[in-house]
Amino acid sequence: MKINEILSDKAILIEIGKRIQTIRVMENMTQAKMAKKTGISLSTIARMEQGVSVKTDHLIMVMRALKIIDNLEFVFPKEELHPIELADKREKKRKRASKKTVETQTRNWKWGDER
């Protein structure tokens, strides 16, 4: 099954669990061996493979044990800028999102819109 935005969170957790289990079996590793290698309890490993939500650090430990930790680079790629973009960003780097300003809201206003 392809993981995409139309799947529910639960369905995504189940699919991730199945993929972890498949990779673990391909590596010829039992759940007990995985638990020992990661320091995570056997029941947590089993729950993870069943699609139960687990702590992020547990997922990272399992990915490291399965030698797939590098895949996180595809999920969370580091933003790389060209030199010109870098110069523009040096002026003011955003640290958080903000609400729309009144000016932006006014610009997008159309006749018939309620205020």
C-alpha atoms as a PDB file:
ATOM      1  CA  MET A   1       0.000   0.000   0.000  1.00  0.00           C
ATOM      2  CA  LYS A   2       1.269   3.443  -0.863  1.00  0.00           C
ATOM      3  CA  ILE A   3       1.461   5.904   2.022  1.00  0.00           C
ATOM      4  CA  ASN A   4      -0.244   9.141   1.028  1.00  0.00           C
ATOM      5  CA  GLU A   5      -2.465  11.881   2.378  1.00  0.00           C
ATOM      6  CA  ILE A   6      -5.743  10.051   1.816  1.00  0.00           C
ATOM      7  CA  LEU A   7      -4.853   7.358   4.372  1.00  0.00           C
ATOM      8  CA  SER A   8      -5.897   7.819   7.971  1.00  0.00           C
ATOM      9  CA  ASP A   9      -3.232   8.159  10.658  1.00  0.00           C
ATOM     10  CA  LYS A  10      -4.089   4.663  11.885  1.00  0.00           C
ATOM     11  CA  ALA A  11      -3.711   3.191   8.383  1.00  0.00           C
ATOM     12  CA  ILE A  12      -0.317   4.871   8.027  1.00  0.00           C
ATOM     13  CA  LEU A  13       0.831   3.482  11.398  1.00  0.00           C
ATOM     14  CA  ILE A  14      -0.259  -0.006  10.343  1.00  0.00           C
ATOM     15  CA  GLU A  15       1.602   0.293   7.029  1.00  0.00           C
ATOM     16  CA  ILE A  16       4.770   1.552   8.757  1.00  0.00           C
ATOM     17  CA  GLY A  17       4.522  -1.386  11.185  1.00  0.00           C
ATOM     18  CA  LYS A  18       4.207  -3.853   8.311  1.00  0.00           C
ATOM     19  CA  ARG A  19       7.218  -2.339   6.556  1.00  0.00           C
ATOM     20  CA  ILE A  20       9.309  -2.472   9.727  1.00  0.00           C
ATOM     21  CA  GLN A  21       8.342  -6.112  10.197  1.00  0.00           C
ATOM     22  CA  THR A  22       9.200  -6.943   6.564  1.00  0.00           C
ATOM     23  CA  ILE A  23      12.640  -5.326   6.824  1.00  0.00           C
ATOM     24  CA  ARG A  24      13.297  -7.004  10.185  1.00  0.00           C
ATOM     25  CA  VAL A  25      12.448 -10.425   8.739  1.00  0.00           C
ATOM     26  CA  MET A  26      14.591  -9.743   5.651  1.00  0.00           C
ATOM     27  CA  GLU A  27      17.478  -8.969   8.020  1.00  0.00           C
ATOM     28  CA  ASN A  28      16.803 -12.373   9.666  1.00  0.00           C
ATOM     29  CA  MET A  29      16.142 -10.688  13.007  1.00  0.00           C
ATOM     30  CA  THR A  30      13.578 -11.827  15.555  1.00  0.00           C
ATOM     31  CA  GLN A  31      11.539  -9.371  17.586  1.00  0.00           C
ATOM     32  CA  ALA A  32      13.491 -10.527  20.657  1.00  0.00           C
ATOM     33  CA  LYS A  33      16.819  -9.821  18.949  1.00  0.00           C
ATOM     34  CA  MET A  34      15.519  -6.408  17.843  1.00  0.00           C
ATOM     35  CA  ALA A  35      14.434  -5.650  21.407  1.00  0.00           C
ATOM     36  CA  LYS A  36      17.856  -6.598  22.751  1.00  0.00           C
ATOM     37  CA  LYS A  37      19.707  -4.628  20.060  1.00  0.00           C
ATOM     38  CA  THR A  38      17.647  -1.461  20.608  1.00  0.00           C
ATOM     39  CA  GLY A  39      16.981  -1.660  24.338  1.00  0.00           C
ATOM     40  CA  ILE A  40      13.256  -1.404  23.638  1.00  0.00           C
ATOM     41  CA  SER A  41      10.883  -3.897  25.241  1.00  0.00           C
ATOM     42  CA  LEU A  42       9.680  -6.840  23.174  1.00  0.00           C
ATOM     43  CA  SER A  43       6.076  -5.731  23.679  1.00  0.00           C
ATOM     44  CA  THR A  44       6.883  -2.277  22.255  1.00  0.00           C
ATOM     45  CA  ILE A  45       8.493  -3.844  19.178  1.00  0.00           C
ATOM     46  CA  ALA A  46       5.400  -6.047  18.720  1.00  0.00           C
ATOM     47  CA  ARG A  47       3.042  -3.077  19.180  1.00  0.00           C
ATOM     48  CA  MET A  48       5.042  -1.008  16.688  1.00  0.00           C
ATOM     49  CA  GLU A  49       4.728  -3.758  14.078  1.00  0.00           C
ATOM     50  CA  GLN A  50       0.973  -3.979  14.759  1.00  0.00           C
ATOM     51  CA  GLY A  51       0.556  -0.278  13.984  1.00  0.00           C
ATOM     52  CA  VAL A  52       0.221   1.040  17.524  1.00  0.00           C
ATOM     53  CA  SER A  53       1.637   4.516  18.059  1.00  0.00           C
ATOM     54  CA  VAL A  54       5.036   4.527  19.778  1.00  0.00           C
ATOM     55  CA  LYS A  55       7.484   7.189  20.892  1.00  0.00           C
ATOM     56  CA  THR A  56       9.549   8.821  18.158  1.00  0.00           C
ATOM     57  CA  ASP A  57      12.837   7.881  19.816  1.00  0.00           C
ATOM     58  CA  HIS A  58      11.774   4.211  19.702  1.00  0.00           C
ATOM     59  CA  LEU A  59      11.129   4.502  15.975  1.00  0.00           C
ATOM     60  CA  ILE A  60      14.564   6.069  15.513  1.00  0.00           C
ATOM     61  CA  MET A  61      16.237   3.250  17.482  1.00  0.00           C
ATOM     62  CA  VAL A  62      14.467   0.617  15.373  1.00  0.00           C
ATOM     63  CA  MET A  63      15.390   2.389  12.137  1.00  0.00           C
ATOM     64  CA  ARG A  64      19.011   2.533  13.272  1.00  0.00           C
ATOM     65  CA  ALA A  65      19.011  -1.194  14.136  1.00  0.00           C
ATOM     66  CA  LEU A  66      17.520  -2.009  10.708  1.00  0.00           C
ATOM     67  CA  LYS A  67      20.106   0.247   9.016  1.00  0.00           C
ATOM     68  CA  ILE A  68      17.437   2.451   7.431  1.00  0.00           C
ATOM     69  CA  ILE A  69      18.050   5.600   9.490  1.00  0.00           C
ATOM     70  CA  ASP A  70      19.451   7.347   6.392  1.00  0.00           C
ATOM     71  CA  ASN A  71      15.928   7.241   4.914  1.00  0.00           C
ATOM     72  CA  LEU A  72      14.925  10.034   7.274  1.00  0.00           C
ATOM     73  CA  GLU A  73      16.935  12.343   5.028  1.00  0.00           C
ATOM     74  CA  PHE A  74      14.266  11.807   2.346  1.00  0.00           C
ATOM     75  CA  VAL A  75      11.451  12.482   4.786  1.00  0.00           C
ATOM     76  CA  PHE A  76      13.042  15.602   6.264  1.00  0.00           C
ATOM     77  CA  PRO A  77      15.483  16.955   3.661  1.00  0.00           C
ATOM     78  CA  LYS A  78      17.790  19.715   4.756  1.00  0.00           C
ATOM     79  CA  GLU A  79      16.979  22.971   3.041  1.00  0.00           C
ATOM     80  CA  GLU A  80      19.831  23.863   0.735  1.00  0.00           C
ATOM     81  CA  LEU A  81      19.914  27.343  -0.730  1.00  0.00           C
ATOM     82  CA  HIS A  82      21.663  28.800  -3.719  1.00  0.00           C
ATOM     83  CA  PRO A  83      24.062  31.664  -2.886  1.00  0.00           C
ATOM     84  CA  ILE A  84      21.606  34.347  -4.040  1.00  0.00           C
ATOM     85  CA  GLU A  85      18.787  32.866  -1.949  1.00  0.00           C
ATOM     86  CA  LEU A  86      21.186  32.627   0.984  1.00  0.00           C
ATOM     87  CA  ALA A  87      21.993  36.330   0.722  1.00  0.00           C
ATOM     88  CA  ASP A  88      18.282  37.168   0.695  1.00  0.00           C
ATOM     89  CA  LYS A  89      17.622  34.940   3.718  1.00  0.00           C
ATOM     90  CA  ARG A  90      20.440  36.499   5.775  1.00  0.00           C
ATOM     91  CA  GLU A  91      18.484  39.712   6.051  1.00  0.00           C
ATOM     92  CA  LYS A  92      15.662  38.200   8.068  1.00  0.00           C
ATOM     93  CA  LYS A  93      15.166  34.519   8.753  1.00  0.00           C
ATOM     94  CA  ARG A  94      11.668  33.529   9.870  1.00  0.00           C
ATOM     95  CA  LYS A  95      11.552  31.650  13.131  1.00  0.00           C
ATOM     96  CA  ARG A  96       7.824  30.947  13.247  1.00  0.00           C
ATOM     97  CA  ALA A  97       4.599  31.351  11.350  1.00  0.00           C
ATOM     98  CA  SER A  98       2.443  34.375  11.981  1.00  0.00           C
ATOM     99  CA  LYS A  99      -1.147  35.457  11.464  1.00  0.00           C
ATOM    100  CA  LYS A 100      -2.144  37.304   8.312  1.00  0.00           C
ATOM    101  CA  THR A 101      -1.784  41.041   8.659  1.00  0.00           C
ATOM    102  CA  VAL A 102      -4.725  43.386   8.228  1.00  0.00           C
ATOM    103  CA  GLU A 103      -3.164  44.603   4.966  1.00  0.00           C
ATOM    104  CA  THR A 104      -3.064  41.047   3.566  1.00  0.00           C
ATOM    105  CA  GLN A 105      -6.623  40.385   4.663  1.00  0.00           C
ATOM    106  CA  THR A 106      -7.813  43.656   3.061  1.00  0.00           C
ATOM    107  CA  ARG A 107      -6.042  42.861  -0.218  1.00  0.00           C
ATOM    108  CA  ASN A 108      -7.890  39.536  -0.465  1.00  0.00           C
ATOM    109  CA  TRP A 109     -11.292  41.059   0.384  1.00  0.00           C
ATOM    110  CA  LYS A 110     -13.996  40.884  -2.307  1.00  0.00           C
ATOM    111  CA  TRP A 111     -17.453  42.438  -2.568  1.00  0.00           C
ATOM    112  CA  GLY A 112     -19.949  40.342  -0.683  1.00  0.00           C
ATOM    113  CA  ASP A 113     -17.413  38.994   1.793  1.00  0.00           C
ATOM    114  CA  GLU A 114     -18.456  39.275   5.424  1.00  0.00           C
ATOM    115  CA  ARG A 115     -15.977  40.981   7.729  1.00  0.00           C
END
